[in-house]
Full PDB file with SEQRES, HELIX, SHEET, SSBOND, CRYST1, ORIGX, SCALE, CONECT and MASTER records, all heavy atoms in Angstrom:
SEQRES   1 A   40  LEU ALA ALA LEU GLY ALA GLY ASN ALA SER LEU ALA CYS          
SEQRES   2 A   40  ALA PHE THR GLY ARG GLN LEU PRO VAL VAL CYS GLY SER          
SEQRES   3 A   40  ALA VAL LEU VAL THR GLU ARG ILE ARG GLU THR THR LEU          
SEQRES   4 A   40  HIS                                                          
SHEET    1 AA1 3 ALA A   3  LEU A   4  0                                        
SHEET    2 AA1 3 ALA A   9  ALA A  12 -1                                        
SHEET    3 AA1 3 GLN A  19  VAL A  22 -1                                        
CRYST1    1.000    1.000    1.000  90.00  90.00  90.00 P 1           1          
ORIGX1      1.000000  0.000000  0.000000        0.00000                         
ORIGX2      0.000000  1.000000  0.000000        0.00000                         
ORIGX3      0.000000  0.000000  1.000000        0.00000                         
SCALE1      1.000000  0.000000  0.000000        0.00000                         
SCALE2      0.000000  1.000000  0.000000        0.00000                         
SCALE3      0.000000  0.000000  1.000000        0.00000                         
ATOM      1  N   LEU A   1    -138.282 -74.304-324.878  1.00  0.00           N  
ATOM      2  CA  LEU A   1    -138.019 -75.240-324.000  1.00  0.00           C  
ATOM      3  C   LEU A   1    -136.788 -74.932-323.144  1.00  0.00           C  
ATOM      4  O   LEU A   1    -135.705 -74.827-323.503  1.00  0.00           O  
ATOM      5  CB  LEU A   1    -137.761 -76.656-324.754  1.00  0.00           C  
ATOM      6  CG  LEU A   1    -137.648 -77.854-323.829  1.00  0.00           C  
ATOM      7  CD1 LEU A   1    -138.820 -78.122-322.907  1.00  0.00           C  
ATOM      8  CD2 LEU A   1    -137.164 -79.054-324.568  1.00  0.00           C  
ATOM      9  N   ALA A   2    -137.088 -74.871-321.734  1.00  0.00           N  
ATOM     10  CA  ALA A   2    -136.070 -74.505-320.856  1.00  0.00           C  
ATOM     11  C   ALA A   2    -135.466 -75.794-319.979  1.00  0.00           C  
ATOM     12  O   ALA A   2    -134.293 -75.962-319.769  1.00  0.00           O  
ATOM     13  CB  ALA A   2    -136.435 -73.483-319.816  1.00  0.00           C  
ATOM     14  N   ALA A   3    -136.432 -76.643-319.704  1.00  0.00           N  
ATOM     15  CA  ALA A   3    -136.089 -77.822-318.930  1.00  0.00           C  
ATOM     16  C   ALA A   3    -137.081 -78.904-319.214  1.00  0.00           C  
ATOM     17  O   ALA A   3    -138.227 -78.657-319.482  1.00  0.00           O  
ATOM     18  CB  ALA A   3    -135.985 -77.489-317.484  1.00  0.00           C  
ATOM     19  N   LEU A   4    -136.587 -80.143-319.028  1.00  0.00           N  
ATOM     20  CA  LEU A   4    -137.364 -81.379-319.102  1.00  0.00           C  
ATOM     21  C   LEU A   4    -137.020 -82.298-318.164  1.00  0.00           C  
ATOM     22  O   LEU A   4    -135.950 -82.644-318.153  1.00  0.00           O  
ATOM     23  CB  LEU A   4    -137.274 -81.966-320.603  1.00  0.00           C  
ATOM     24  CG  LEU A   4    -138.146 -83.028-321.132  1.00  0.00           C  
ATOM     25  CD1 LEU A   4    -139.767 -82.608-321.035  1.00  0.00           C  
ATOM     26  CD2 LEU A   4    -137.905 -83.512-322.338  1.00  0.00           C  
ATOM     27  N   GLY A   5    -138.125 -82.683-317.419  1.00  0.00           N  
ATOM     28  CA  GLY A   5    -137.914 -83.737-316.279  1.00  0.00           C  
ATOM     29  C   GLY A   5    -138.762 -84.931-316.426  1.00  0.00           C  
ATOM     30  O   GLY A   5    -139.360 -85.173-317.478  1.00  0.00           O  
ATOM     31  N   ALA A   6    -138.838 -85.691-315.436  1.00  0.00           N  
ATOM     32  CA  ALA A   6    -139.772 -86.880-315.469  1.00  0.00           C  
ATOM     33  C   ALA A   6    -141.097 -86.403-315.017  1.00  0.00           C  
ATOM     34  O   ALA A   6    -141.424 -86.304-313.838  1.00  0.00           O  
ATOM     35  CB  ALA A   6    -139.234 -87.923-314.340  1.00  0.00           C  
ATOM     36  N   GLY A   7    -141.843 -86.311-315.938  1.00  0.00           N  
ATOM     37  CA  GLY A   7    -143.388 -85.847-315.686  1.00  0.00           C  
ATOM     38  C   GLY A   7    -143.560 -84.373-315.655  1.00  0.00           C  
ATOM     39  O   GLY A   7    -144.760 -83.992-315.371  1.00  0.00           O  
ATOM     40  N   ASN A   8    -142.593 -83.702-316.079  1.00  0.00           N  
ATOM     41  CA  ASN A   8    -142.810 -82.208-316.200  1.00  0.00           C  
ATOM     42  C   ASN A   8    -141.776 -81.524-317.203  1.00  0.00           C  
ATOM     43  O   ASN A   8    -140.824 -82.178-317.469  1.00  0.00           O  
ATOM     44  CB  ASN A   8    -142.684 -81.556-314.809  1.00  0.00           C  
ATOM     45  CG  ASN A   8    -141.316 -81.865-314.218  1.00  0.00           C  
ATOM     46  OD1 ASN A   8    -140.439 -80.995-314.579  1.00  0.00           O  
ATOM     47  ND2 ASN A   8    -141.183 -82.914-313.309  1.00  0.00           N  
ATOM     48  N   ALA A   9    -142.169 -80.409-317.400  1.00  0.00           N  
ATOM     49  CA  ALA A   9    -141.137 -79.456-318.263  1.00  0.00           C  
ATOM     50  C   ALA A   9    -141.393 -78.027-317.856  1.00  0.00           C  
ATOM     51  O   ALA A   9    -142.219 -77.676-317.232  1.00  0.00           O  
ATOM     52  CB  ALA A   9    -141.730 -79.722-319.779  1.00  0.00           C  
ATOM     53  N   SER A  10    -140.327 -77.280-318.245  1.00  0.00           N  
ATOM     54  CA  SER A  10    -140.512 -75.857-318.000  1.00  0.00           C  
ATOM     55  C   SER A  10    -140.333 -74.983-319.389  1.00  0.00           C  
ATOM     56  O   SER A  10    -139.328 -75.285-320.171  1.00  0.00           O  
ATOM     57  CB  SER A  10    -139.397 -75.397-317.034  1.00  0.00           C  
ATOM     58  OG  SER A  10    -139.376 -74.000-316.805  1.00  0.00           O  
ATOM     59  N   LEU A  11    -141.292 -74.264-319.649  1.00  0.00           N  
ATOM     60  CA  LEU A  11    -141.172 -73.343-320.898  1.00  0.00           C  
ATOM     61  C   LEU A  11    -140.908 -72.039-320.508  1.00  0.00           C  
ATOM     62  O   LEU A  11    -141.255 -71.469-319.591  1.00  0.00           O  
ATOM     63  CB  LEU A  11    -142.576 -73.449-321.574  1.00  0.00           C  
ATOM     64  CG  LEU A  11    -143.041 -74.882-322.027  1.00  0.00           C  
ATOM     65  CD1 LEU A  11    -144.510 -74.755-322.736  1.00  0.00           C  
ATOM     66  CD2 LEU A  11    -142.113 -75.463-323.054  1.00  0.00           C  
ATOM     67  N   ALA A  12    -140.172 -71.260-321.348  1.00  0.00           N  
ATOM     68  CA  ALA A  12    -139.625 -69.956-321.080  1.00  0.00           C  
ATOM     69  C   ALA A  12    -140.281 -69.084-322.152  1.00  0.00           C  
ATOM     70  O   ALA A  12    -140.212 -69.344-323.313  1.00  0.00           O  
ATOM     71  CB  ALA A  12    -138.168 -69.917-320.998  1.00  0.00           C  
ATOM     72  N   CYS A  13    -140.766 -67.909-321.576  1.00  0.00           N  
ATOM     73  CA  CYS A  13    -141.456 -66.916-322.596  1.00  0.00           C  
ATOM     74  C   CYS A  13    -140.284 -66.552-323.595  1.00  0.00           C  
ATOM     75  O   CYS A  13    -139.019 -66.206-323.134  1.00  0.00           O  
ATOM     76  CB  CYS A  13    -141.885 -65.749-321.884  1.00  0.00           C  
ATOM     77  SG  CYS A  13    -142.286 -64.360-322.967  1.00  0.00           S  
ATOM     78  N   ALA A  14    -140.550 -66.494-324.851  1.00  0.00           N  
ATOM     79  CA  ALA A  14    -139.440 -66.293-325.782  1.00  0.00           C  
ATOM     80  C   ALA A  14    -139.028 -64.680-325.802  1.00  0.00           C  
ATOM     81  O   ALA A  14    -137.973 -64.349-326.365  1.00  0.00           O  
ATOM     82  CB  ALA A  14    -140.027 -66.513-327.221  1.00  0.00           C  
ATOM     83  N   PHE A  15    -139.752 -63.886-325.068  1.00  0.00           N  
ATOM     84  CA  PHE A  15    -139.510 -62.475-325.081  1.00  0.00           C  
ATOM     85  C   PHE A  15    -138.891 -62.153-323.773  1.00  0.00           C  
ATOM     86  O   PHE A  15    -137.977 -61.250-323.646  1.00  0.00           O  
ATOM     87  CB  PHE A  15    -140.783 -61.669-325.319  1.00  0.00           C  
ATOM     88  CG  PHE A  15    -141.429 -61.947-326.640  1.00  0.00           C  
ATOM     89  CD1 PHE A  15    -142.473 -62.621-326.636  1.00  0.00           C  
ATOM     90  CD2 PHE A  15    -140.939 -61.385-327.738  1.00  0.00           C  
ATOM     91  CE1 PHE A  15    -143.174 -62.968-327.906  1.00  0.00           C  
ATOM     92  CE2 PHE A  15    -141.391 -61.675-329.095  1.00  0.00           C  
ATOM     93  CZ  PHE A  15    -142.642 -62.424-329.155  1.00  0.00           C  
ATOM     94  N   THR A  16    -139.400 -62.600-322.590  1.00  0.00           N  
ATOM     95  CA  THR A  16    -138.908 -62.205-321.298  1.00  0.00           C  
ATOM     96  C   THR A  16    -138.132 -63.283-320.598  1.00  0.00           C  
ATOM     97  O   THR A  16    -137.574 -62.959-319.579  1.00  0.00           O  
ATOM     98  CB  THR A  16    -140.156 -61.900-320.328  1.00  0.00           C  
ATOM     99  OG1 THR A  16    -140.915 -63.062-320.104  1.00  0.00           O  
ATOM    100  CG2 THR A  16    -141.196 -60.898-321.026  1.00  0.00           C  
ATOM    101  N   GLY A  17    -138.307 -64.594-320.979  1.00  0.00           N  
ATOM    102  CA  GLY A  17    -137.458 -65.596-320.344  1.00  0.00           C  
ATOM    103  C   GLY A  17    -138.138 -66.101-319.049  1.00  0.00           C  
ATOM    104  O   GLY A  17    -137.766 -66.999-318.458  1.00  0.00           O  
ATOM    105  N   ARG A  18    -139.310 -65.540-318.702  1.00  0.00           N  
ATOM    106  CA  ARG A  18    -140.048 -65.996-317.492  1.00  0.00           C  
ATOM    107  C   ARG A  18    -140.474 -67.446-317.898  1.00  0.00           C  
ATOM    108  O   ARG A  18    -141.116 -67.699-318.756  1.00  0.00           O  
ATOM    109  CB  ARG A  18    -141.258 -65.141-317.150  1.00  0.00           C  
ATOM    110  CG  ARG A  18    -140.827 -63.792-316.599  1.00  0.00           C  
ATOM    111  CD  ARG A  18    -141.999 -63.101-315.988  1.00  0.00           C  
ATOM    112  NE  ARG A  18    -142.941 -62.584-316.855  1.00  0.00           N  
ATOM    113  CZ  ARG A  18    -142.945 -61.536-317.500  1.00  0.00           C  
ATOM    114  NH1 ARG A  18    -141.999 -60.561-317.093  1.00  0.00           N  
ATOM    115  NH2 ARG A  18    -143.814 -61.107-318.287  1.00  0.00           N  
ATOM    116  N   GLN A  19    -140.291 -68.322-316.779  1.00  0.00           N  
ATOM    117  CA  GLN A  19    -140.601 -69.681-316.975  1.00  0.00           C  
ATOM    118  C   GLN A  19    -142.037 -70.170-316.485  1.00  0.00           C  
ATOM    119  O   GLN A  19    -142.482 -69.534-315.494  1.00  0.00           O  
ATOM    120  CB  GLN A  19    -139.534 -70.551-316.335  1.00  0.00           C  
ATOM    121  CG  GLN A  19    -138.204 -70.477-317.066  1.00  0.00           C  
ATOM    122  CD  GLN A  19    -137.053 -71.374-316.693  1.00  0.00           C  
ATOM    123  OE1 GLN A  19    -137.453 -72.485-316.037  1.00  0.00           O  
ATOM    124  NE2 GLN A  19    -135.836 -71.280-316.940  1.00  0.00           N  
ATOM    125  N   LEU A  20    -142.514 -70.990-317.149  1.00  0.00           N  
ATOM    126  CA  LEU A  20    -143.840 -71.663-316.650  1.00  0.00           C  
ATOM    127  C   LEU A  20    -143.884 -73.101-316.713  1.00  0.00           C  
ATOM    128  O   LEU A  20    -143.386 -73.843-317.674  1.00  0.00           O  
ATOM    129  CB  LEU A  20    -144.952 -71.064-317.756  1.00  0.00           C  
ATOM    130  CG  LEU A  20    -146.331 -71.573-317.438  1.00  0.00           C  
ATOM    131  CD1 LEU A  20    -146.986 -70.864-316.231  1.00  0.00           C  
ATOM    132  CD2 LEU A  20    -147.164 -71.415-318.657  1.00  0.00           C  
ATOM    133  N   PRO A  21    -144.292 -73.706-315.656  1.00  0.00           N  
ATOM    134  CA  PRO A  21    -144.122 -75.333-315.568  1.00  0.00           C  
ATOM    135  C   PRO A  21    -145.253 -75.875-316.300  1.00  0.00           C  
ATOM    136  O   PRO A  21    -146.274 -75.336-316.427  1.00  0.00           O  
ATOM    137  CB  PRO A  21    -144.332 -75.517-314.013  1.00  0.00           C  
ATOM    138  CG  PRO A  21    -145.093 -74.376-313.471  1.00  0.00           C  
ATOM    139  CD  PRO A  21    -144.640 -73.159-314.311  1.00  0.00           C  
ATOM    140  N   VAL A  22    -144.962 -77.063-316.811  1.00  0.00           N  
ATOM    141  CA  VAL A  22    -145.996 -77.747-317.672  1.00  0.00           C  
ATOM    142  C   VAL A  22    -145.901 -79.307-317.235  1.00  0.00           C  
ATOM    143  O   VAL A  22    -144.885 -79.847-317.251  1.00  0.00           O  
ATOM    144  CB  VAL A  22    -145.553 -77.689-319.258  1.00  0.00           C  
ATOM    145  CG1 VAL A  22    -146.472 -78.679-320.023  1.00  0.00           C  
ATOM    146  CG2 VAL A  22    -145.737 -76.169-319.619  1.00  0.00           C  
ATOM    147  N   VAL A  23    -147.087 -79.783-317.075  1.00  0.00           N  
ATOM    148  CA  VAL A  23    -147.080 -81.238-316.624  1.00  0.00           C  
ATOM    149  C   VAL A  23    -147.085 -82.093-317.916  1.00  0.00           C  
ATOM    150  O   VAL A  23    -148.041 -81.884-318.793  1.00  0.00           O  
ATOM    151  CB  VAL A  23    -148.246 -81.531-315.813  1.00  0.00           C  
ATOM    152  CG1 VAL A  23    -148.376 -83.119-315.597  1.00  0.00           C  
ATOM    153  CG2 VAL A  23    -148.297 -80.780-314.523  1.00  0.00           C  
ATOM    154  N   CYS A  24    -146.113 -82.889-318.191  1.00  0.00           N  
ATOM    155  CA  CYS A  24    -146.117 -83.862-319.322  1.00  0.00           C  
ATOM    156  C   CYS A  24    -145.423 -85.111-319.027  1.00  0.00           C  
ATOM    157  O   CYS A  24    -144.317 -85.075-318.303  1.00  0.00           O  
ATOM    158  CB  CYS A  24    -145.390 -83.049-320.487  1.00  0.00           C  
ATOM    159  SG  CYS A  24    -143.757 -82.730-320.227  1.00  0.00           S  
ATOM    160  N   GLY A  25    -145.975 -86.201-319.507  1.00  0.00           N  
ATOM    161  CA  GLY A  25    -145.271 -87.530-319.156  1.00  0.00           C  
ATOM    162  C   GLY A  25    -144.213 -87.806-320.246  1.00  0.00           C  
ATOM    163  O   GLY A  25    -143.329 -88.700-319.756  1.00  0.00           O  
ATOM    164  N   SER A  26    -144.199 -87.142-321.283  1.00  0.00           N  
ATOM    165  CA  SER A  26    -143.247 -87.604-322.276  1.00  0.00           C  
ATOM    166  C   SER A  26    -143.198 -86.298-323.186  1.00  0.00           C  
ATOM    167  O   SER A  26    -144.056 -85.489-323.246  1.00  0.00           O  
ATOM    168  CB  SER A  26    -143.405 -88.759-323.128  1.00  0.00           C  
ATOM    169  OG  SER A  26    -144.776 -88.779-323.655  1.00  0.00           O  
ATOM    170  N   ALA A  27    -142.184 -86.296-324.044  1.00  0.00           N  
ATOM    171  CA  ALA A  27    -141.931 -85.194-325.039  1.00  0.00           C  
ATOM    172  C   ALA A  27    -141.318 -85.613-326.314  1.00  0.00           C  
ATOM    173  O   ALA A  27    -140.555 -86.567-326.414  1.00  0.00           O  
ATOM    174  CB  ALA A  27    -140.966 -84.146-324.365  1.00  0.00           C  
ATOM    175  N   VAL A  28    -141.869 -85.024-327.328  1.00  0.00           N  
ATOM    176  CA  VAL A  28    -141.250 -85.247-328.735  1.00  0.00           C  
ATOM    177  C   VAL A  28    -140.654 -83.940-329.193  1.00  0.00           C  
ATOM    178  O   VAL A  28    -141.273 -82.921-329.287  1.00  0.00           O  
ATOM    179  CB  VAL A  28    -142.389 -85.557-329.774  1.00  0.00           C  
ATOM    180  CG1 VAL A  28    -141.813 -85.861-331.115  1.00  0.00           C  
ATOM    181  CG2 VAL A  28    -143.176 -86.879-329.368  1.00  0.00           C  
ATOM    182  N   LEU A  29    -139.281 -84.039-329.303  1.00  0.00           N  
ATOM    183  CA  LEU A  29    -138.474 -82.944-329.545  1.00  0.00           C  
ATOM    184  C   LEU A  29    -138.147 -82.824-331.158  1.00  0.00           C  
ATOM    185  O   LEU A  29    -137.559 -83.666-331.807  1.00  0.00           O  
ATOM    186  CB  LEU A  29    -137.161 -82.883-328.856  1.00  0.00           C  
ATOM    187  CG  LEU A  29    -137.334 -83.076-327.328  1.00  0.00           C  
ATOM    188  CD1 LEU A  29    -135.887 -83.058-326.639  1.00  0.00           C  
ATOM    189  CD2 LEU A  29    -138.249 -82.076-326.677  1.00  0.00           C  
ATOM    190  N   VAL A  30    -138.784 -81.703-331.693  1.00  0.00           N  
ATOM    191  CA  VAL A  30    -138.583 -81.527-333.178  1.00  0.00           C  
ATOM    192  C   VAL A  30    -137.684 -80.323-333.215  1.00  0.00           C  
ATOM    193  O   VAL A  30    -138.278 -79.082-333.362  1.00  0.00           O  
ATOM    194  CB  VAL A  30    -139.887 -81.352-333.928  1.00  0.00           C  
ATOM    195  CG1 VAL A  30    -139.700 -81.407-335.469  1.00  0.00           C  
ATOM    196  CG2 VAL A  30    -140.852 -82.503-333.443  1.00  0.00           C  
ATOM    197  N   THR A  31    -136.374 -80.433-333.311  1.00  0.00           N  
ATOM    198  CA  THR A  31    -135.468 -79.263-333.307  1.00  0.00           C  
ATOM    199  C   THR A  31    -134.597 -79.135-334.518  1.00  0.00           C  
ATOM    200  O   THR A  31    -134.810 -78.570-335.511  1.00  0.00           O  
ATOM    201  CB  THR A  31    -134.695 -79.176-331.994  1.00  0.00           C  
ATOM    202  OG1 THR A  31    -133.844 -80.507-331.873  1.00  0.00           O  
ATOM    203  CG2 THR A  31    -135.708 -79.077-330.773  1.00  0.00           C  
ATOM    204  N   GLU A  32    -133.411 -80.029-334.376  1.00  0.00           N  
ATOM    205  CA  GLU A  32    -132.537 -79.985-335.519  1.00  0.00           C  
ATOM    206  C   GLU A  32    -132.159 -81.422-335.876  1.00  0.00           C  
ATOM    207  O   GLU A  32    -132.408 -82.404-335.117  1.00  0.00           O  
ATOM    208  CB  GLU A  32    -131.244 -79.185-335.155  1.00  0.00           C  
ATOM    209  CG  GLU A  32    -131.436 -77.754-335.016  1.00  0.00           C  
ATOM    210  CD  GLU A  32    -130.128 -77.039-334.627  1.00  0.00           C  
ATOM    211  OE1 GLU A  32    -129.047 -77.714-334.258  1.00  0.00           O  
ATOM    212  OE2 GLU A  32    -129.992 -75.845-334.737  1.00  0.00           O  
ATOM    213  N   ARG A  33    -131.506 -81.442-336.957  1.00  0.00           N  
ATOM    214  CA  ARG A  33    -131.034 -82.778-337.389  1.00  0.00           C  
ATOM    215  C   ARG A  33    -129.458 -82.795-337.522  1.00  0.00           C  
ATOM    216  O   ARG A  33    -128.885 -81.786-337.762  1.00  0.00           O  
ATOM    217  CB  ARG A  33    -131.523 -83.242-338.818  1.00  0.00           C  
ATOM    218  CG  ARG A  33    -132.959 -83.531-338.732  1.00  0.00           C  
ATOM    219  CD  ARG A  33    -133.508 -84.019-340.102  1.00  0.00           C  
ATOM    220  NE  ARG A  33    -133.917 -82.727-340.767  1.00  0.00           N  
ATOM    221  CZ  ARG A  33    -134.247 -82.609-342.108  1.00  0.00           C  
ATOM    222  NH1 ARG A  33    -134.156 -83.736-342.817  1.00  0.00           N  
ATOM    223  NH2 ARG A  33    -134.506 -81.429-342.605  1.00  0.00           N  
ATOM    224  N   ILE A  34    -128.930 -84.070-337.312  1.00  0.00           N  
ATOM    225  CA  ILE A  34    -127.405 -84.298-337.361  1.00  0.00           C  
ATOM    226  C   ILE A  34    -127.195 -85.196-338.631  1.00  0.00           C  
ATOM    227  O   ILE A  34    -127.762 -86.305-338.633  1.00  0.00           O  
ATOM    228  CB  ILE A  34    -126.903 -84.904-336.103  1.00  0.00           C  
ATOM    229  CG1 ILE A  34    -127.136 -83.920-334.916  1.00  0.00           C  
ATOM    230  CG2 ILE A  34    -125.434 -85.139-336.164  1.00  0.00           C  
ATOM    231  CD1 ILE A  34    -126.845 -84.427-333.550  1.00  0.00           C  
ATOM    232  N   ARG A  35    -126.240 -84.891-339.367  1.00  0.00           N  
ATOM    233  CA  ARG A  35    -125.935 -85.661-340.657  1.00  0.00           C  
ATOM    234  C   ARG A  35    -125.274 -86.987-340.296  1.00  0.00           C  
ATOM    235  O   ARG A  35    -124.616 -87.068-339.401  1.00  0.00           O  
ATOM    236  CB  ARG A  35    -125.066 -84.795-341.503  1.00  0.00           C  
ATOM    237  CG  ARG A  35    -125.580 -83.561-342.074  1.00  0.00           C  
ATOM    238  CD  ARG A  35    -124.672 -82.803-342.978  1.00  0.00           C  
ATOM    239  NE  ARG A  35    -123.438 -82.452-342.278  1.00  0.00           N  
ATOM    240  CZ  ARG A  35    -122.156 -82.553-342.834  1.00  0.00           C  
ATOM    241  NH1 ARG A  35    -121.994 -83.234-343.979  1.00  0.00           N  
ATOM    242  NH2 ARG A  35    -121.165 -82.350-342.107  1.00  0.00           N  
ATOM    243  N   GLU A  36    -125.687 -87.952-340.982  1.00  0.00           N  
ATOM    244  CA  GLU A  36    -125.082 -89.251-340.829  1.00  0.00           C  
ATOM    245  C   GLU A  36    -123.956 -89.384-341.727  1.00  0.00           C  
ATOM    246  O   GLU A  36    -124.087 -89.694-342.971  1.00  0.00           O  
ATOM    247  CB  GLU A  36    -126.104 -90.421-341.220  1.00  0.00           C  
ATOM    248  CG  GLU A  36    -127.379 -90.437-340.158  1.00  0.00           C  
ATOM    249  CD  GLU A  36    -127.072 -91.086-338.936  1.00  0.00           C  
ATOM    250  OE1 GLU A  36    -125.936 -91.494-338.684  1.00  0.00           O  
ATOM    251  OE2 GLU A  36    -128.012 -91.263-338.116  1.00  0.00           O  
ATOM    252  N   THR A  37    -122.833 -89.165-341.252  1.00  0.00           N  
ATOM    253  CA  THR A  37    -121.417 -89.101-342.101  1.00  0.00           C  
ATOM    254  C   THR A  37    -120.384 -90.068-341.751  1.00  0.00           C  
ATOM    255  O   THR A  37    -119.390 -90.219-342.187  1.00  0.00           O  
ATOM    256  CB  THR A  37    -120.928 -87.611-341.969  1.00  0.00           C  
ATOM    257  OG1 THR A  37    -120.630 -87.307-340.706  1.00  0.00           O  
ATOM    258  CG2 THR A  37    -121.926 -86.553-342.526  1.00  0.00           C  
ATOM    259  N   THR A  38    -120.844 -91.097-340.890  1.00  0.00           N  
ATOM    260  CA  THR A  38    -119.787 -92.048-340.266  1.00  0.00           C  
ATOM    261  C   THR A  38    -119.294 -92.757-341.357  1.00  0.00           C  
ATOM    262  O   THR A  38    -118.117 -93.037-341.572  1.00  0.00           O  
ATOM    263  CB  THR A  38    -120.372 -92.857-339.216  1.00  0.00           C  
ATOM    264  OG1 THR A  38    -120.910 -91.994-338.089  1.00  0.00           O  
ATOM    265  CG2 THR A  38    -119.399 -93.784-338.679  1.00  0.00           C  
ATOM    266  N   LEU A  39    -120.216 -93.342-342.303  1.00  0.00           N  
ATOM    267  CA  LEU A  39    -119.776 -94.178-343.385  1.00  0.00           C  
ATOM    268  C   LEU A  39    -119.008 -93.387-344.315  1.00  0.00           C  
ATOM    269  O   LEU A  39    -117.906 -93.940-344.826  1.00  0.00           O  
ATOM    270  CB  LEU A  39    -121.085 -94.775-344.042  1.00  0.00           C  
ATOM    271  CG  LEU A  39    -120.662 -95.605-345.320  1.00  0.00           C  
ATOM    272  CD1 LEU A  39    -119.820 -96.791-344.919  1.00  0.00           C  
ATOM    273  CD2 LEU A  39    -122.047 -96.094-346.013  1.00  0.00           C  
ATOM    274  N   HIS A  40    -119.395 -92.164-344.585  1.00  0.00           N  
ATOM    275  CA  HIS A  40    -118.669 -91.325-345.564  1.00  0.00           C  
ATOM    276  C   HIS A  40    -117.150 -91.225-345.123  1.00  0.00           C  
ATOM    277  O   HIS A  40    -116.173 -91.418-345.918  1.00  0.00           O  
ATOM    278  CB  HIS A  40    -119.249 -90.022-345.765  1.00  0.00           C  
ATOM    279  CG  HIS A  40    -118.655 -89.134-346.631  1.00  0.00           C  
ATOM    280  ND1 HIS A  40    -117.689 -88.141-346.233  1.00  0.00           N  
ATOM    281  CD2 HIS A  40    -118.546 -88.984-348.092  1.00  0.00           C  
ATOM    282  CE1 HIS A  40    -117.257 -87.445-347.270  1.00  0.00           C  
ATOM    283  NE2 HIS A  40    -117.870 -87.888-348.417  1.00  0.00           N  
TER     284      HIS A  40                                                      
MASTER        0    0    0    0    3    0    0    6  283    1    0    4          
END                                                                             
């Protein structure tokens, strides 16, 4: 994932970096988690 806008995204080739536009109305991002440590 290179960019995400309102109604579109840009994907980059994992090998060359060349970007390709994608039409999408919304996105679900499944990447990393952040620990909930505020209470601790």
